[in-house]
Amino acid sequence: MLLLKRLWNDEVGAVVSIELVLIGTVLLLGVMVGLGALRDSVNNELADVGGAIDEINQSYIVNSVTGHSISVGGSQFVDALDFCDGNDNAGSVGFNGCITHTNGTGSNEGTAAP
């Protein structure tokens, strides 16, 4: 019984335990905020990459070439608009299923997505 009473009254490590809980809580909150900022940054960068890929134009023209004894006709390919490239295209399912990318001024860089 005396041993249990001594253990009950022992407060030698109480301050250290409270400090560790407080430090752990602050670190956990910092990690949560940091991961949220990382998520938003990655989302913004991937949206920029998607917009850049959307704007790729694969059109080309090769003119005809004539040499001393031979000639080769030219070739060309004109890249047409992809599905959902037009602003008035609402998709074929009756709702706007297209993801549109608008070129902004860059002032929304680093803000949370709506």
C-alpha atoms as a PDB file:
ATOM      1  CA  MET A   1       0.000   0.000   0.000  1.00  0.00           C
ATOM      2  CA  LEU A   2       2.867   2.331   0.766  1.00  0.00           C
ATOM      3  CA  LEU A   3       4.281   1.729  -2.716  1.00  0.00           C
ATOM      4  CA  LEU A   4       1.000   2.724  -4.384  1.00  0.00           C
ATOM      5  CA  LYS A   5       0.800   5.885  -2.250  1.00  0.00           C
ATOM      6  CA  ARG A   6       4.342   6.869  -3.234  1.00  0.00           C
ATOM      7  CA  LEU A   7       3.602   6.278  -6.928  1.00  0.00           C
ATOM      8  CA  TRP A   8       0.380   8.312  -6.644  1.00  0.00           C
ATOM      9  CA  ASN A   9       2.192  11.274  -5.097  1.00  0.00           C
ATOM     10  CA  ASP A  10       5.227  11.093  -7.391  1.00  0.00           C
ATOM     11  CA  GLU A  11       5.303  14.160  -9.692  1.00  0.00           C
ATOM     12  CA  VAL A  12       8.917  14.049 -10.813  1.00  0.00           C
ATOM     13  CA  GLY A  13       8.154  13.505 -14.511  1.00  0.00           C
ATOM     14  CA  ALA A  14       4.874  15.421 -14.742  1.00  0.00           C
ATOM     15  CA  VAL A  15       6.393  18.652 -16.057  1.00  0.00           C
ATOM     16  CA  VAL A  16       8.422  16.838 -18.695  1.00  0.00           C
ATOM     17  CA  SER A  17       5.340  14.934 -19.873  1.00  0.00           C
ATOM     18  CA  ILE A  18       3.281  18.112 -20.178  1.00  0.00           C
ATOM     19  CA  GLU A  19       6.082  19.808 -22.112  1.00  0.00           C
ATOM     20  CA  LEU A  20       6.330  16.874 -24.512  1.00  0.00           C
ATOM     21  CA  VAL A  21       2.575  16.889 -25.112  1.00  0.00           C
ATOM     22  CA  LEU A  22       2.661  20.639 -25.791  1.00  0.00           C
ATOM     23  CA  ILE A  23       5.623  20.353 -28.174  1.00  0.00           C
ATOM     24  CA  GLY A  24       3.988  17.412 -29.959  1.00  0.00           C
ATOM     25  CA  THR A  25       0.749  19.367 -30.375  1.00  0.00           C
ATOM     26  CA  VAL A  26       2.527  22.395 -31.836  1.00  0.00           C
ATOM     27  CA  LEU A  27       4.519  20.183 -34.209  1.00  0.00           C
ATOM     28  CA  LEU A  28       1.404  18.345 -35.345  1.00  0.00           C
ATOM     29  CA  LEU A  29      -0.425  21.598 -36.053  1.00  0.00           C
ATOM     30  CA  GLY A  30       2.587  22.875 -38.004  1.00  0.00           C
ATOM     31  CA  VAL A  31       2.749  19.702 -40.083  1.00  0.00           C
ATOM     32  CA  MET A  32      -0.970  19.928 -40.854  1.00  0.00           C
ATOM     33  CA  VAL A  33      -0.670  23.541 -42.019  1.00  0.00           C
ATOM     34  CA  GLY A  34       2.445  22.738 -44.047  1.00  0.00           C
ATOM     35  CA  LEU A  35       0.800  19.792 -45.788  1.00  0.00           C
ATOM     36  CA  GLY A  36      -2.224  21.944 -46.626  1.00  0.00           C
ATOM     37  CA  ALA A  37       0.036  24.560 -48.217  1.00  0.00           C
ATOM     38  CA  LEU A  38       1.907  21.830 -50.104  1.00  0.00           C
ATOM     39  CA  ARG A  39      -1.395  20.416 -51.383  1.00  0.00           C
ATOM     40  CA  ASP A  40      -2.482  23.825 -52.687  1.00  0.00           C
ATOM     41  CA  SER A  41       0.887  24.468 -54.351  1.00  0.00           C
ATOM     42  CA  VAL A  42       0.930  21.078 -56.086  1.00  0.00           C
ATOM     43  CA  ASN A  43      -2.656  21.599 -57.239  1.00  0.00           C
ATOM     44  CA  ASN A  44      -1.774  25.020 -58.718  1.00  0.00           C
ATOM     45  CA  GLU A  45       1.284  23.655 -60.509  1.00  0.00           C
ATOM     46  CA  LEU A  46      -0.643  20.716 -61.960  1.00  0.00           C
ATOM     47  CA  ALA A  47      -3.339  23.127 -63.173  1.00  0.00           C
ATOM     48  CA  ASP A  48      -0.604  25.160 -64.897  1.00  0.00           C
ATOM     49  CA  VAL A  49       0.804  22.016 -66.535  1.00  0.00           C
ATOM     50  CA  GLY A  50      -2.679  21.007 -67.687  1.00  0.00           C
ATOM     51  CA  GLY A  51      -3.243  24.454 -69.169  1.00  0.00           C
ATOM     52  CA  ALA A  52       0.097  24.285 -70.980  1.00  0.00           C
ATOM     53  CA  ILE A  53      -0.699  20.861 -72.426  1.00  0.00           C
ATOM     54  CA  ASP A  54      -4.124  22.123 -73.489  1.00  0.00           C
ATOM     55  CA  GLU A  55      -2.504  24.950 -75.476  1.00  0.00           C
ATOM     56  CA  ILE A  56      -0.109  22.739 -77.450  1.00  0.00           C
ATOM     57  CA  ASN A  57      -0.589  23.211 -81.184  1.00  0.00           C
ATOM     58  CA  GLN A  58       0.683  20.260 -83.233  1.00  0.00           C
ATOM     59  CA  SER A  59       0.180  21.815 -86.663  1.00  0.00           C
ATOM     60  CA  TYR A  60       3.054  21.576 -89.104  1.00  0.00           C
ATOM     61  CA  ILE A  61       3.855  22.323 -92.743  1.00  0.00           C
ATOM     62  CA  VAL A  62       6.669  20.790 -94.794  1.00  0.00           C
ATOM     63  CA  ASN A  63       7.189  22.562 -98.108  1.00  0.00           C
ATOM     64  CA  SER A  64       8.023  20.653-101.260  1.00  0.00           C
ATOM     65  CA  VAL A  65      11.693  20.058-101.935  1.00  0.00           C
ATOM     66  CA  THR A  66      13.183  19.970-105.431  1.00  0.00           C
ATOM     67  CA  GLY A  67      16.684  18.652-106.018  1.00  0.00           C
ATOM     68  CA  HIS A  68      18.766  18.106-109.184  1.00  0.00           C
ATOM     69  CA  SER A  69      16.961  15.019-110.370  1.00  0.00           C
ATOM     70  CA  ILE A  70      14.077  14.503-107.941  1.00  0.00           C
ATOM     71  CA  SER A  71      11.333  16.401-106.208  1.00  0.00           C
ATOM     72  CA  VAL A  72       9.222  15.589-103.176  1.00  0.00           C
ATOM     73  CA  GLY A  73       5.791  17.020-102.521  1.00  0.00           C
ATOM     74  CA  GLY A  74       5.085  18.844 -99.315  1.00  0.00           C
ATOM     75  CA  SER A  75       2.905  17.829 -96.432  1.00  0.00           C
ATOM     76  CA  GLN A  76       0.884  19.566 -93.786  1.00  0.00           C
ATOM     77  CA  PHE A  77      -1.304  18.884 -90.791  1.00  0.00           C
ATOM     78  CA  VAL A  78      -3.580  21.420 -89.153  1.00  0.00           C
ATOM     79  CA  ASP A  79      -4.461  20.669 -85.561  1.00  0.00           C
ATOM     80  CA  ALA A  80      -8.211  21.106 -85.113  1.00  0.00           C
ATOM     81  CA  LEU A  81      -9.917  22.122 -81.898  1.00  0.00           C
ATOM     82  CA  ASP A  82     -10.120  19.369 -79.341  1.00  0.00           C
ATOM     83  CA  PHE A  83     -13.299  18.418 -77.539  1.00  0.00           C
ATOM     84  CA  CYS A  84     -14.180  21.110 -74.987  1.00  0.00           C
ATOM     85  CA  ASP A  85     -11.811  23.687 -76.530  1.00  0.00           C
ATOM     86  CA  GLY A  86     -14.653  26.039 -77.449  1.00  0.00           C
ATOM     87  CA  ASN A  87     -16.169  28.153 -74.678  1.00  0.00           C
ATOM     88  CA  ASP A  88     -19.700  27.490 -75.936  1.00  0.00           C
ATOM     89  CA  ASN A  89     -19.312  23.694 -75.923  1.00  0.00           C
ATOM     90  CA  ALA A  90     -21.407  22.359 -73.064  1.00  0.00           C
ATOM     91  CA  GLY A  91     -20.511  18.736 -73.627  1.00  0.00           C
ATOM     92  CA  SER A  92     -22.782  16.001 -74.911  1.00  0.00           C
ATOM     93  CA  VAL A  93     -24.341  14.939 -71.614  1.00  0.00           C
ATOM     94  CA  GLY A  94     -26.484  18.010 -71.036  1.00  0.00           C
ATOM     95  CA  PHE A  95     -24.254  19.727 -68.493  1.00  0.00           C
ATOM     96  CA  ASN A  96     -20.920  21.452 -68.672  1.00  0.00           C
ATOM     97  CA  GLY A  97     -18.599  18.492 -68.240  1.00  0.00           C
ATOM     98  CA  CYS A  98     -15.613  20.375 -69.651  1.00  0.00           C
ATOM     99  CA  ILE A  99     -12.826  21.747 -67.505  1.00  0.00           C
ATOM    100  CA  THR A 100     -11.935  25.223 -68.695  1.00  0.00           C
ATOM    101  CA  HIS A 101      -8.647  26.965 -68.046  1.00  0.00           C
ATOM    102  CA  THR A 102      -8.606  30.737 -67.938  1.00  0.00           C
ATOM    103  CA  ASN A 103      -5.378  32.648 -68.184  1.00  0.00           C
ATOM    104  CA  GLY A 104      -5.286  34.976 -65.209  1.00  0.00           C
ATOM    105  CA  THR A 105      -2.937  37.691 -64.122  1.00  0.00           C
ATOM    106  CA  GLY A 106      -1.182  35.383 -61.682  1.00  0.00           C
ATOM    107  CA  SER A 107      -2.597  37.213 -58.694  1.00  0.00           C
ATOM    108  CA  ASN A 108      -4.326  34.067 -57.477  1.00  0.00           C
ATOM    109  CA  GLU A 109      -1.092  32.098 -57.292  1.00  0.00           C
ATOM    110  CA  GLY A 110      -0.813  30.296 -53.999  1.00  0.00           C
ATOM    111  CA  THR A 111      -4.424  30.735 -52.956  1.00  0.00           C
ATOM    112  CA  ALA A 112      -6.669  27.849 -52.061  1.00  0.00           C
ATOM    113  CA  ALA A 113      -8.778  26.360 -54.812  1.00  0.00           C
ATOM    114  CA  PRO A 114     -12.517  27.121 -54.608  1.00  0.00           C
END
